[in-house]
PDB file of N, CA and C in Angstrom:
ATOM      1  N   MET A   1      18.409  35.852   6.263  1.00  0.00           N
ATOM      2  CA  MET A   1      19.555  34.857   6.676  1.00  0.00           C
ATOM      3  C   MET A   1      19.744  33.963   5.394  1.00  0.00           C
ATOM      4  N   THR A   2      20.921  33.962   4.949  1.00  0.00           N
ATOM      5  CA  THR A   2      21.198  33.211   3.808  1.00  0.00           C
ATOM      6  C   THR A   2      21.529  31.763   4.229  1.00  0.00           C
ATOM      7  N   SER A   3      21.449  30.876   3.537  1.00  0.00           N
ATOM      8  CA  SER A   3      21.765  29.359   3.810  1.00  0.00           C
ATOM      9  C   SER A   3      23.215  29.241   4.333  1.00  0.00           C
ATOM     10  N   ALA A   4      24.104  29.975   3.993  1.00  0.00           N
ATOM     11  CA  ALA A   4      25.519  29.808   4.439  1.00  0.00           C
ATOM     12  C   ALA A   4      25.683  30.198   5.803  1.00  0.00           C
ATOM     13  N   SER A   5      24.769  30.952   6.549  1.00  0.00           N
ATOM     14  CA  SER A   5      24.876  31.565   7.694  1.00  0.00           C
ATOM     15  C   SER A   5      23.875  30.468   8.664  1.00  0.00           C
ATOM     16  N   LEU A   6      23.364  29.628   8.126  1.00  0.00           N
ATOM     17  CA  LEU A   6      22.442  28.797   8.930  1.00  0.00           C
ATOM     18  C   LEU A   6      23.328  27.685   9.829  1.00  0.00           C
ATOM     19  N   SER A   7      22.884  27.506  10.995  1.00  0.00           N
ATOM     20  CA  SER A   7      23.600  26.473  11.794  1.00  0.00           C
ATOM     21  C   SER A   7      23.220  25.043  11.124  1.00  0.00           C
ATOM     22  N   LEU A   8      24.277  24.125  11.606  1.00  0.00           N
ATOM     23  CA  LEU A   8      23.913  22.710  11.146  1.00  0.00           C
ATOM     24  C   LEU A   8      22.462  22.180  11.635  1.00  0.00           C
ATOM     25  N   GLY A   9      22.019  22.499  12.653  1.00  0.00           N
ATOM     26  CA  GLY A   9      20.713  22.125  13.148  1.00  0.00           C
ATOM     27  C   GLY A   9      19.525  22.620  12.116  1.00  0.00           C
ATOM     28  N   ASP A  10      19.813  23.867  11.798  1.00  0.00           N
ATOM     29  CA  ASP A  10      18.768  24.476  11.160  1.00  0.00           C
ATOM     30  C   ASP A  10      18.787  23.760   9.581  1.00  0.00           C
ATOM     31  N   LYS A  11      19.905  23.686   9.158  1.00  0.00           N
ATOM     32  CA  LYS A  11      20.038  23.037   7.761  1.00  0.00           C
ATOM     33  C   LYS A  11      19.468  21.600   7.696  1.00  0.00           C
ATOM     34  N   PHE A  12      19.569  20.855   8.891  1.00  0.00           N
ATOM     35  CA  PHE A  12      18.913  19.546   8.780  1.00  0.00           C
ATOM     36  C   PHE A  12      17.328  19.718   9.024  1.00  0.00           C
ATOM     37  N   ARG A  13      17.106  20.749   9.783  1.00  0.00           N
ATOM     38  CA  ARG A  13      15.462  20.834   9.817  1.00  0.00           C
ATOM     39  C   ARG A  13      14.962  21.244   8.589  1.00  0.00           C
ATOM     40  N   ASN A  14      15.677  22.257   7.893  1.00  0.00           N
ATOM     41  CA  ASN A  14      15.099  22.438   6.464  1.00  0.00           C
ATOM     42  C   ASN A  14      15.066  21.335   5.438  1.00  0.00           C
ATOM     43  N   LYS A  15      16.188  20.602   5.460  1.00  0.00           N
ATOM     44  CA  LYS A  15      16.255  19.149   4.619  1.00  0.00           C
ATOM     45  C   LYS A  15      14.918  18.448   5.087  1.00  0.00           C
ATOM     46  N   LYS A  16      14.743  18.243   6.283  1.00  0.00           N
ATOM     47  CA  LYS A  16      13.706  17.366   7.000  1.00  0.00           C
ATOM     48  C   LYS A  16      12.296  17.870   6.411  1.00  0.00           C
ATOM     49  N   MET A  17      12.221  19.199   6.441  1.00  0.00           N
ATOM     50  CA  MET A  17      10.938  19.818   6.187  1.00  0.00           C
ATOM     51  C   MET A  17      10.649  19.601   4.562  1.00  0.00           C
ATOM     52  N   TYR A  18      11.774  19.710   3.847  1.00  0.00           N
ATOM     53  CA  TYR A  18      11.589  19.602   2.490  1.00  0.00           C
ATOM     54  C   TYR A  18      11.183  18.160   2.051  1.00  0.00           C
ATOM     55  N   ILE A  19      11.882  17.330   2.631  1.00  0.00           N
ATOM     56  CA  ILE A  19      11.562  15.948   2.373  1.00  0.00           C
ATOM     57  C   ILE A  19      10.221  15.490   2.682  1.00  0.00           C
ATOM     58  N   LEU A  20       9.755  16.029   3.986  1.00  0.00           N
ATOM     59  CA  LEU A  20       8.199  15.686   4.397  1.00  0.00           C
ATOM     60  C   LEU A  20       7.310  16.267   3.390  1.00  0.00           C
ATOM     61  N   ARG A  21       7.795  17.537   2.820  1.00  0.00           N
ATOM     62  CA  ARG A  21       6.666  18.193   1.929  1.00  0.00           C
ATOM     63  C   ARG A  21       6.615  17.563   0.585  1.00  0.00           C
ATOM     64  N   THR A  22       7.686  16.961   0.194  1.00  0.00           N
ATOM     65  CA  THR A  22       7.886  16.271  -1.275  1.00  0.00           C
ATOM     66  C   THR A  22       7.458  14.771  -1.250  1.00  0.00           C
ATOM     67  N   LEU A  23       7.668  14.141  -0.139  1.00  0.00           N
ATOM     68  CA  LEU A  23       7.556  12.789  -0.049  1.00  0.00           C
ATOM     69  C   LEU A  23       6.103  12.240  -0.517  1.00  0.00           C
ATOM     70  N   TRP A  24       5.105  13.131  -0.069  1.00  0.00           N
ATOM     71  CA  TRP A  24       3.679  12.573  -0.499  1.00  0.00           C
ATOM     72  C   TRP A  24       3.572  12.356  -1.982  1.00  0.00           C
ATOM     73  N   GLY A  25       4.129  13.281  -2.828  1.00  0.00           N
ATOM     74  CA  GLY A  25       3.881  13.239  -4.339  1.00  0.00           C
ATOM     75  C   GLY A  25       4.803  12.189  -4.886  1.00  0.00           C
ATOM     76  N   SER A  26       5.965  11.962  -4.175  1.00  0.00           N
ATOM     77  CA  SER A  26       6.671  10.805  -4.932  1.00  0.00           C
ATOM     78  C   SER A  26       5.931   9.505  -4.422  1.00  0.00           C
ATOM     79  N   LEU A  27       5.477   9.313  -3.263  1.00  0.00           N
ATOM     80  CA  LEU A  27       4.835   8.036  -3.024  1.00  0.00           C
ATOM     81  C   LEU A  27       3.477   7.797  -3.720  1.00  0.00           C
ATOM     82  N   ILE A  28       2.856   8.865  -3.926  1.00  0.00           N
ATOM     83  CA  ILE A  28       1.524   8.782  -4.836  1.00  0.00           C
ATOM     84  C   ILE A  28       2.015   8.400  -6.267  1.00  0.00           C
ATOM     85  N   ALA A  29       3.084   9.147  -6.729  1.00  0.00           N
ATOM     86  CA  ALA A  29       3.515   8.699  -8.216  1.00  0.00           C
ATOM     87  C   ALA A  29       3.868   7.211  -8.249  1.00  0.00           C
ATOM     88  N   LEU A  30       4.626   6.989  -7.341  1.00  0.00           N
ATOM     89  CA  LEU A  30       5.189   5.594  -7.251  1.00  0.00           C
ATOM     90  C   LEU A  30       4.056   4.476  -7.204  1.00  0.00           C
ATOM     91  N   LEU A  31       3.170   4.616  -6.278  1.00  0.00           N
ATOM     92  CA  LEU A  31       2.022   3.888  -6.362  1.00  0.00           C
ATOM     93  C   LEU A  31       1.207   3.606  -7.536  1.00  0.00           C
ATOM     94  N   PHE A  32       0.913   4.999  -8.128  1.00  0.00           N
ATOM     95  CA  PHE A  32      -0.009   4.860  -9.315  1.00  0.00           C
ATOM     96  C   PHE A  32       0.770   4.347 -10.458  1.00  0.00           C
ATOM     97  N   PHE A  33       2.161   4.526 -10.679  1.00  0.00           N
ATOM     98  CA  PHE A  33       2.902   4.002 -11.831  1.00  0.00           C
ATOM     99  C   PHE A  33       3.194   2.573 -11.633  1.00  0.00           C
ATOM    100  N   ALA A  34       3.434   2.113 -10.332  1.00  0.00           N
ATOM    101  CA  ALA A  34       3.447   0.540 -10.050  1.00  0.00           C
ATOM    102  C   ALA A  34       2.075  -0.113 -10.328  1.00  0.00           C
ATOM    103  N   ALA A  35       1.022   0.437 -10.103  1.00  0.00           N
ATOM    104  CA  ALA A  35      -0.240  -0.264 -10.378  1.00  0.00           C
ATOM    105  C   ALA A  35      -0.515  -0.156 -11.902  1.00  0.00           C
ATOM    106  N   TYR A  36      -0.258   0.980 -12.537  1.00  0.00           N
ATOM    107  CA  TYR A  36      -0.523   0.939 -13.873  1.00  0.00           C
ATOM    108  C   TYR A  36       0.356   0.059 -14.753  1.00  0.00           C
ATOM    109  N   PHE A  37       1.595  -0.014 -14.419  1.00  0.00           N
ATOM    110  CA  PHE A  37       2.503  -0.874 -15.345  1.00  0.00           C
ATOM    111  C   PHE A  37       2.453  -2.284 -14.704  1.00  0.00           C
ATOM    112  N   ILE A  38       2.486  -2.526 -13.679  1.00  0.00           N
ATOM    113  CA  ILE A  38       2.504  -3.987 -13.081  1.00  0.00           C
ATOM    114  C   ILE A  38       1.110  -4.744 -13.365  1.00  0.00           C
ATOM    115  N   LEU A  39       0.004  -3.912 -12.869  1.00  0.00           N
ATOM    116  CA  LEU A  39      -1.234  -4.547 -12.990  1.00  0.00           C
ATOM    117  C   LEU A  39      -1.706  -4.545 -14.302  1.00  0.00           C
ATOM    118  N   GLY A  40      -1.458  -3.509 -15.124  1.00  0.00           N
ATOM    119  CA  GLY A  40      -1.935  -3.428 -16.490  1.00  0.00           C
ATOM    120  C   GLY A  40      -1.266  -4.525 -17.440  1.00  0.00           C
ATOM    121  N   VAL A  41      -0.039  -4.859 -17.307  1.00  0.00           N
ATOM    122  CA  VAL A  41       0.636  -5.883 -18.119  1.00  0.00           C
ATOM    123  C   VAL A  41       0.108  -7.153 -17.638  1.00  0.00           C
ATOM    124  N   ILE A  42      -0.052  -7.442 -16.353  1.00  0.00           N
ATOM    125  CA  ILE A  42      -0.669  -8.753 -15.949  1.00  0.00           C
ATOM    126  C   ILE A  42      -1.973  -8.856 -16.606  1.00  0.00           C
ATOM    127  N   MET A  43      -2.804  -7.949 -16.611  1.00  0.00           N
ATOM    128  CA  MET A  43      -4.138  -8.064 -17.238  1.00  0.00           C
ATOM    129  C   MET A  43      -4.039  -8.265 -18.547  1.00  0.00           C
ATOM    130  N   MET A  44      -3.068  -7.552 -19.231  1.00  0.00           N
ATOM    131  CA  MET A  44      -3.190  -7.652 -20.734  1.00  0.00           C
ATOM    132  C   MET A  44      -2.522  -9.050 -21.014  1.00  0.00           C
ATOM    133  N   VAL A  45      -1.674  -9.458 -20.353  1.00  0.00           N
ATOM    134  CA  VAL A  45      -0.959 -10.839 -20.806  1.00  0.00           C
ATOM    135  C   VAL A  45      -1.997 -11.921 -20.515  1.00  0.00           C
ATOM    136  N   SER A  46      -2.671 -11.756 -19.166  1.00  0.00           N
ATOM    137  CA  SER A  46      -3.693 -12.768 -19.097  1.00  0.00           C
ATOM    138  C   SER A  46      -4.897 -12.791 -20.116  1.00  0.00           C
ATOM    139  N   ARG A  47      -5.342 -11.583 -20.633  1.00  0.00           N
ATOM    140  CA  ARG A  47      -6.160 -11.509 -21.652  1.00  0.00           C
ATOM    141  C   ARG A  47      -5.795 -12.331 -22.821  1.00  0.00           C
ATOM    142  N   SER A  48      -4.567 -12.188 -23.194  1.00  0.00           N
ATOM    143  CA  SER A  48      -3.917 -12.752 -24.346  1.00  0.00           C
ATOM    144  C   SER A  48      -3.928 -14.277 -24.270  1.00  0.00           C
ATOM    145  N   ILE A  49      -3.702 -14.833 -22.913  1.00  0.00           N
ATOM    146  CA  ILE A  49      -3.560 -16.046 -22.616  1.00  0.00           C
ATOM    147  C   ILE A  49      -5.041 -16.771 -22.936  1.00  0.00           C
ATOM    148  N   ASN A  50      -6.009 -15.932 -22.269  1.00  0.00           N
ATOM    149  CA  ASN A  50      -7.342 -16.376 -22.234  1.00  0.00           C
ATOM    150  C   ASN A  50      -7.835 -16.417 -23.942  1.00  0.00           C
ATOM    151  N   TYR A  51      -7.493 -15.609 -24.547  1.00  0.00           N
ATOM    152  CA  TYR A  51      -7.974 -15.545 -26.055  1.00  0.00           C
ATOM    153  C   TYR A  51      -7.070 -16.812 -26.839  1.00  0.00           C
ATOM    154  N   ALA A  52      -6.082 -16.980 -26.532  1.00  0.00           N
ATOM    155  CA  ALA A  52      -5.314 -18.081 -27.027  1.00  0.00           C
ATOM    156  C   ALA A  52      -5.872 -19.247 -26.557  1.00  0.00           C
ATOM    157  N   ALA A  53      -6.433 -19.531 -25.453  1.00  0.00           N
ATOM    158  CA  ALA A  53      -7.115 -20.761 -25.133  1.00  0.00           C
ATOM    159  C   ALA A  53      -8.490 -21.067 -25.872  1.00  0.00           C
ATOM    160  N   ILE A  54      -9.179 -19.736 -25.813  1.00  0.00           N
ATOM    161  CA  ILE A  54     -10.631 -19.755 -26.395  1.00  0.00           C
ATOM    162  C   ILE A  54     -10.545 -20.071 -28.026  1.00  0.00           C
ATOM    163  N   TYR A  55      -9.582 -19.501 -28.736  1.00  0.00           N
ATOM    164  CA  TYR A  55      -9.461 -19.443 -30.132  1.00  0.00           C
ATOM    165  C   TYR A  55      -8.450 -20.611 -30.627  1.00  0.00           C
ATOM    166  N   HIS A  56      -7.954 -21.454 -29.720  1.00  0.00           N
ATOM    167  CA  HIS A  56      -6.836 -22.489 -29.894  1.00  0.00           C
ATOM    168  C   HIS A  56      -5.821 -21.883 -30.876  1.00  0.00           C
ATOM    169  N   GLN A  57      -5.211 -20.850 -30.486  1.00  0.00           N
ATOM    170  CA  GLN A  57      -3.985 -20.277 -31.187  1.00  0.00           C
ATOM    171  C   GLN A  57      -2.788 -20.981 -30.796  1.00  0.00           C
ATOM    172  N   SER A  58      -1.796 -21.049 -31.802  1.00  0.00           N
ATOM    173  CA  SER A  58      -0.619 -21.697 -31.708  1.00  0.00           C
ATOM    174  C   SER A  58       0.424 -20.877 -30.536  1.00  0.00           C
ATOM    175  N   ALA A  59       1.565 -21.550 -30.277  1.00  0.00           N
ATOM    176  CA  ALA A  59       2.494 -20.961 -29.470  1.00  0.00           C
ATOM    177  C   ALA A  59       3.142 -19.678 -29.947  1.00  0.00           C
ATOM    178  N   GLU A  60       3.468 -19.810 -31.218  1.00  0.00           N
ATOM    179  CA  GLU A  60       3.932 -18.629 -31.867  1.00  0.00           C
ATOM    180  C   GLU A  60       3.022 -17.257 -31.839  1.00  0.00           C
ATOM    181  N   VAL A  61       1.769 -17.494 -32.060  1.00  0.00           N
ATOM    182  CA  VAL A  61       0.773 -16.442 -32.129  1.00  0.00           C
ATOM    183  C   VAL A  61       0.479 -15.902 -30.731  1.00  0.00           C
ATOM    184  N   LEU A  62       0.558 -16.929 -29.840  1.00  0.00           N
ATOM    185  CA  LEU A  62       0.324 -16.381 -28.343  1.00  0.00           C
ATOM    186  C   LEU A  62       1.399 -15.656 -27.972  1.00  0.00           C
ATOM    187  N   GLN A  63       2.829 -15.964 -28.378  1.00  0.00           N
ATOM    188  CA  GLN A  63       4.074 -15.328 -27.930  1.00  0.00           C
ATOM    189  C   GLN A  63       3.887 -13.839 -28.544  1.00  0.00           C
ATOM    190  N   ARG A  64       3.502 -13.614 -29.850  1.00  0.00           N
ATOM    191  CA  ARG A  64       3.273 -12.382 -30.677  1.00  0.00           C
ATOM    192  C   ARG A  64       2.342 -11.549 -29.854  1.00  0.00           C
ATOM    193  N   GLU A  65       1.226 -12.290 -29.368  1.00  0.00           N
ATOM    194  CA  GLU A  65       0.243 -11.425 -28.826  1.00  0.00           C
ATOM    195  C   GLU A  65       0.741 -10.877 -27.431  1.00  0.00           C
ATOM    196  N   LYS A  66       1.567 -11.831 -26.586  1.00  0.00           N
ATOM    197  CA  LYS A  66       1.889 -11.325 -25.473  1.00  0.00           C
ATOM    198  C   LYS A  66       2.811 -10.071 -25.662  1.00  0.00           C
ATOM    199  N   LEU A  67       3.760 -10.180 -26.596  1.00  0.00           N
ATOM    200  CA  LEU A  67       4.673  -9.001 -26.924  1.00  0.00           C
ATOM    201  C   LEU A  67       3.914  -7.853 -27.258  1.00  0.00           C
ATOM    202  N   GLY A  68       2.989  -8.024 -28.014  1.00  0.00           N
ATOM    203  CA  GLY A  68       1.924  -6.825 -28.489  1.00  0.00           C
ATOM    204  C   GLY A  68       1.387  -6.176 -27.329  1.00  0.00           C
ATOM    205  N   ALA A  69       0.851  -7.268 -26.388  1.00  0.00           N
ATOM    206  CA  ALA A  69       0.061  -6.596 -25.127  1.00  0.00           C
ATOM    207  C   ALA A  69       1.115  -5.696 -24.235  1.00  0.00           C
ATOM    208  N   VAL A  70       2.328  -6.216 -24.050  1.00  0.00           N
ATOM    209  CA  VAL A  70       3.387  -5.585 -23.332  1.00  0.00           C
ATOM    210  C   VAL A  70       3.537  -4.291 -23.951  1.00  0.00           C
ATOM    211  N   ALA A  71       3.838  -4.346 -25.224  1.00  0.00           N
ATOM    212  CA  ALA A  71       4.124  -3.161 -25.947  1.00  0.00           C
ATOM    213  C   ALA A  71       3.077  -2.131 -26.011  1.00  0.00           C
ATOM    214  N   GLY A  72       1.823  -2.426 -26.120  1.00  0.00           N
ATOM    215  CA  GLY A  72       0.715  -1.662 -26.078  1.00  0.00           C
ATOM    216  C   GLY A  72       0.605  -0.986 -24.636  1.00  0.00           C
ATOM    217  N   MET A  73       1.022  -1.499 -23.420  1.00  0.00           N
ATOM    218  CA  MET A  73       0.802  -0.906 -22.233  1.00  0.00           C
ATOM    219  C   MET A  73       2.172  -0.161 -21.761  1.00  0.00           C
ATOM    220  N   VAL A  74       3.312  -0.521 -22.391  1.00  0.00           N
ATOM    221  CA  VAL A  74       4.516   0.188 -21.985  1.00  0.00           C
ATOM    222  C   VAL A  74       5.096   1.221 -22.978  1.00  0.00           C
ATOM    223  N   GLY A  75       4.691   0.985 -24.277  1.00  0.00           N
ATOM    224  CA  GLY A  75       5.216   1.677 -25.451  1.00  0.00           C
ATOM    225  C   GLY A  75       4.651   3.118 -25.645  1.00  0.00           C
ATOM    226  N   MET A  76       5.272   3.695 -26.423  1.00  0.00           N
ATOM    227  CA  MET A  76       4.966   5.018 -26.987  1.00  0.00           C
ATOM    228  C   MET A  76       3.573   5.263 -27.466  1.00  0.00           C
ATOM    229  N   HIS A  77       2.929   4.333 -28.106  1.00  0.00           N
ATOM    230  CA  HIS A  77       1.671   4.218 -28.485  1.00  0.00           C
ATOM    231  C   HIS A  77       0.496   4.006 -27.578  1.00  0.00           C
ATOM    232  N   SER A  78       0.885   3.935 -26.222  1.00  0.00           N
ATOM    233  CA  SER A  78      -0.082   3.657 -25.348  1.00  0.00           C
ATOM    234  C   SER A  78      -0.550   4.940 -24.544  1.00  0.00           C
ATOM    235  N   GLY A  79       0.073   6.017 -24.839  1.00  0.00           N
ATOM    236  CA  GLY A  79      -0.513   7.290 -24.078  1.00  0.00           C
ATOM    237  C   GLY A  79       0.022   7.341 -22.716  1.00  0.00           C
ATOM    238  N   VAL A  80       0.756   6.597 -22.190  1.00  0.00           N
ATOM    239  CA  VAL A  80       1.242   6.751 -20.780  1.00  0.00           C
ATOM    240  C   VAL A  80       2.193   8.046 -20.789  1.00  0.00           C
ATOM    241  N   TRP A  81       2.640   8.404 -21.811  1.00  0.00           N
ATOM    242  CA  TRP A  81       3.814   9.664 -21.937  1.00  0.00           C
ATOM    243  C   TRP A  81       2.865  10.881 -21.305  1.00  0.00           C
ATOM    244  N   VAL A  82       1.588  10.876 -21.468  1.00  0.00           N
ATOM    245  CA  VAL A  82       0.840  11.989 -20.862  1.00  0.00           C
ATOM    246  C   VAL A  82       0.836  11.969 -19.527  1.00  0.00           C
ATOM    247  N   LEU A  83       0.616  10.653 -18.903  1.00  0.00           N
ATOM    248  CA  LEU A  83       0.772  10.601 -17.430  1.00  0.00           C
ATOM    249  C   LEU A  83       2.349  10.840 -16.825  1.00  0.00           C
ATOM    250  N   VAL A  84       3.283  10.522 -17.526  1.00  0.00           N
ATOM    251  CA  VAL A  84       4.658  10.818 -17.266  1.00  0.00           C
ATOM    252  C   VAL A  84       4.761  12.462 -17.044  1.00  0.00           C
ATOM    253  N   MET A  85       4.265  13.049 -18.362  1.00  0.00           N
ATOM    254  CA  MET A  85       4.406  14.478 -18.268  1.00  0.00           C
ATOM    255  C   MET A  85       3.596  15.218 -17.346  1.00  0.00           C
ATOM    256  N   PHE A  86       2.322  14.696 -16.996  1.00  0.00           N
ATOM    257  CA  PHE A  86       1.612  15.309 -15.640  1.00  0.00           C
ATOM    258  C   PHE A  86       2.351  15.231 -14.545  1.00  0.00           C
ATOM    259  N   THR A  87       3.055  13.835 -14.340  1.00  0.00           N
ATOM    260  CA  THR A  87       3.772  13.707 -13.076  1.00  0.00           C
ATOM    261  C   THR A  87       4.966  14.613 -13.004  1.00  0.00           C
ATOM    262  N   ALA A  88       5.674  14.861 -14.046  1.00  0.00           N
ATOM    263  CA  ALA A  88       6.876  15.773 -14.014  1.00  0.00           C
ATOM    264  C   ALA A  88       6.333  17.420 -13.806  1.00  0.00           C
ATOM    265  N   ILE A  89       5.184  17.702 -14.376  1.00  0.00           N
ATOM    266  CA  ILE A  89       4.633  18.995 -14.292  1.00  0.00           C
ATOM    267  C   ILE A  89       4.295  19.233 -12.678  1.00  0.00           C
ATOM    268  N   MET A  90       3.822  18.049 -12.024  1.00  0.00           N
ATOM    269  CA  MET A  90       3.394  18.101 -10.703  1.00  0.00           C
ATOM    270  C   MET A  90       4.588  18.140  -9.847  1.00  0.00           C
ATOM    271  N   PHE A  91       5.612  17.462 -10.045  1.00  0.00           N
ATOM    272  CA  PHE A  91       6.997  17.477  -9.262  1.00  0.00           C
ATOM    273  C   PHE A  91       7.577  18.879  -9.439  1.00  0.00           C
ATOM    274  N   ALA A  92       7.470  19.618 -10.601  1.00  0.00           N
ATOM    275  CA  ALA A  92       8.068  20.975 -10.877  1.00  0.00           C
ATOM    276  C   ALA A  92       7.327  21.904 -10.168  1.00  0.00           C
ATOM    277  N   ILE A  93       5.967  21.907 -10.143  1.00  0.00           N
ATOM    278  CA  ILE A  93       5.347  22.976  -9.238  1.00  0.00           C
ATOM    279  C   ILE A  93       5.661  22.680  -7.884  1.00  0.00           C
ATOM    280  N   GLN A  94       5.525  21.475  -7.316  1.00  0.00           N
ATOM    281  CA  GLN A  94       5.846  21.442  -5.964  1.00  0.00           C
ATOM    282  C   GLN A  94       7.151  21.756  -5.606  1.00  0.00           C
ATOM    283  N   GLY A  95       8.125  21.599  -6.361  1.00  0.00           N
ATOM    284  CA  GLY A  95       9.616  22.128  -6.072  1.00  0.00           C
ATOM    285  C   GLY A  95       9.716  23.605  -6.196  1.00  0.00           C
ATOM    286  N   PHE A  96       8.955  24.220  -7.063  1.00  0.00           N
ATOM    287  CA  PHE A  96       9.027  25.789  -7.122  1.00  0.00           C
ATOM    288  C   PHE A  96       8.257  26.334  -5.935  1.00  0.00           C
ATOM    289  N   SER A  97       7.077  25.674  -5.702  1.00  0.00           N
ATOM    290  CA  SER A  97       6.359  26.228  -4.508  1.00  0.00           C
ATOM    291  C   SER A  97       7.012  26.208  -3.172  1.00  0.00           C
ATOM    292  N   TYR A  98       7.897  25.085  -3.119  1.00  0.00           N
ATOM    293  CA  TYR A  98       8.852  25.008  -1.870  1.00  0.00           C
ATOM    294  C   TYR A  98       9.956  25.942  -1.888  1.00  0.00           C
ATOM    295  N   GLY A  99      10.436  26.207  -3.085  1.00  0.00           N
ATOM    296  CA  GLY A  99      11.638  27.162  -3.332  1.00  0.00           C
ATOM    297  C   GLY A  99      11.321  28.678  -3.175  1.00  0.00           C
ATOM    298  N   PHE A 100      10.088  28.984  -3.455  1.00  0.00           N
ATOM    299  CA  PHE A 100       9.541  30.263  -3.137  1.00  0.00           C
ATOM    300  C   PHE A 100       8.651  30.508  -2.061  1.00  0.00           C
ATOM    301  N   SER A 101       8.538  29.626  -1.125  1.00  0.00           N
ATOM    302  CA  SER A 101       7.784  29.727   0.124  1.00  0.00           C
ATOM    303  C   SER A 101       8.799  30.188   1.105  1.00  0.00           C
TER     304      SER A 101
END
Protein backbone atom coordinates (compact mmCIF):
# COMPACT_ATOMS: atom_id res chain seq x y z
CA MET A 1 0.00 0.00 0.00
CA THR A 2 1.47 3.34 -0.99
CA SER A 3 1.42 6.42 1.18
CA ALA A 4 -1.02 8.09 -1.22
CA SER A 5 -3.67 5.45 -0.56
CA LEU A 6 -3.39 5.58 3.24
CA SER A 7 -6.30 6.98 5.18
CA LEU A 8 -5.86 10.13 7.23
CA GLY A 9 -5.81 8.11 10.46
CA ASP A 10 -3.05 5.85 9.14
CA LYS A 11 -0.98 8.86 8.11
CA PHE A 12 -1.27 10.32 11.62
CA ARG A 13 -0.41 6.96 13.19
CA ASN A 14 2.67 6.63 10.98
CA LYS A 15 3.76 10.20 11.80
CA LYS A 16 3.27 9.56 15.52
CA MET A 17 5.27 6.32 15.33
CA TYR A 18 8.10 8.12 13.49
CA ILE A 19 8.20 10.90 16.08
CA LEU A 20 8.25 8.43 18.98
CA ARG A 21 11.05 6.39 17.38
CA THR A 22 13.24 9.43 16.70
CA LEU A 23 12.46 11.52 19.76
CA TRP A 24 14.78 9.66 22.14
CA GLY A 25 17.85 10.39 20.02
CA SER A 26 16.98 14.06 19.77
CA LEU A 27 16.49 14.35 23.52
CA ILE A 28 19.75 12.59 24.29
CA ALA A 29 21.65 14.81 21.85
CA LEU A 30 20.00 17.95 23.24
CA LEU A 31 20.87 17.06 26.82
CA PHE A 32 24.42 16.07 25.94
CA PHE A 33 25.21 19.20 23.93
CA ALA A 34 23.50 21.47 26.47
CA ALA A 35 25.58 19.96 29.25
CA TYR A 36 28.77 20.06 27.20
CA PHE A 37 28.49 23.65 26.04
CA ILE A 38 26.78 25.31 29.00
CA LEU A 39 28.54 23.51 31.85
CA GLY A 40 31.86 23.42 30.00
CA VAL A 41 31.87 27.16 29.38
CA ILE A 42 30.83 27.88 32.97
CA MET A 43 33.63 25.69 34.32
CA MET A 44 36.29 27.17 32.04
CA VAL A 45 35.28 30.78 32.75
CA SER A 46 35.21 30.14 36.50
CA ARG A 47 38.66 28.59 36.20
CA SER A 48 39.90 31.75 34.46
CA ILE A 49 38.39 33.88 37.22
CA ASN A 50 40.06 31.76 39.91
CA TYR A 51 43.44 31.98 38.17
CA ALA A 52 43.02 35.75 37.89
CA ALA A 53 42.33 35.99 41.63
CA ILE A 54 45.26 33.75 42.57
CA TYR A 55 47.82 35.38 40.29
CA HIS A 56 46.48 38.97 40.61
CA GLN A 57 45.88 39.45 36.90
CA SER A 58 44.58 42.72 35.48
CA ALA A 59 41.06 43.10 34.09
CA GLU A 60 42.35 43.10 30.50
CA VAL A 61 44.21 39.83 30.99
CA LEU A 62 41.16 38.33 32.70
CA GLN A 63 38.96 39.37 29.77
CA ARG A 64 41.40 37.82 27.29
CA GLU A 65 41.53 34.60 29.35
CA LYS A 66 37.72 34.41 29.46
CA LEU A 67 37.50 34.83 25.69
CA GLY A 68 40.17 32.20 25.22
CA ALA A 69 38.31 29.81 27.51
CA VAL A 70 35.04 30.24 25.62
CA ALA A 71 36.78 29.92 22.24
CA GLY A 72 38.53 26.80 23.48
CA MET A 73 35.22 25.15 24.39
CA VAL A 74 33.14 26.26 21.42
CA GLY A 75 35.70 26.87 18.66
CA MET A 76 37.01 24.60 15.94
CA HIS A 77 40.15 23.74 17.92
CA SER A 78 38.13 22.13 20.70
CA GLY A 79 37.34 18.89 18.93
CA VAL A 80 33.59 19.27 19.43
CA TRP A 81 33.18 18.85 15.67
CA VAL A 82 33.83 15.12 16.22
CA LEU A 83 30.85 14.96 18.58
CA VAL A 84 28.68 16.86 16.11
CA MET A 85 29.75 14.50 13.33
CA PHE A 86 28.96 11.45 15.50
CA THR A 87 25.52 12.88 16.30
CA ALA A 88 24.82 13.54 12.62
CA ILE A 89 25.79 9.97 11.74
CA MET A 90 23.58 8.67 14.54
CA PHE A 91 20.59 10.64 13.20
CA ALA A 92 21.30 9.48 9.63
CA ILE A 93 21.38 5.82 10.65
CA GLN A 94 18.24 6.28 12.70
CA GLY A 95 16.42 7.92 9.78
CA PHE A 96 17.49 5.26 7.31
CA SER A 97 16.57 2.46 9.68
CA TYR A 98 13.05 3.86 9.96
CA GLY A 99 12.79 4.42 6.22
CA PHE A 100 13.74 0.84 5.41
CA SER A 101 11.76 -0.87 8.17
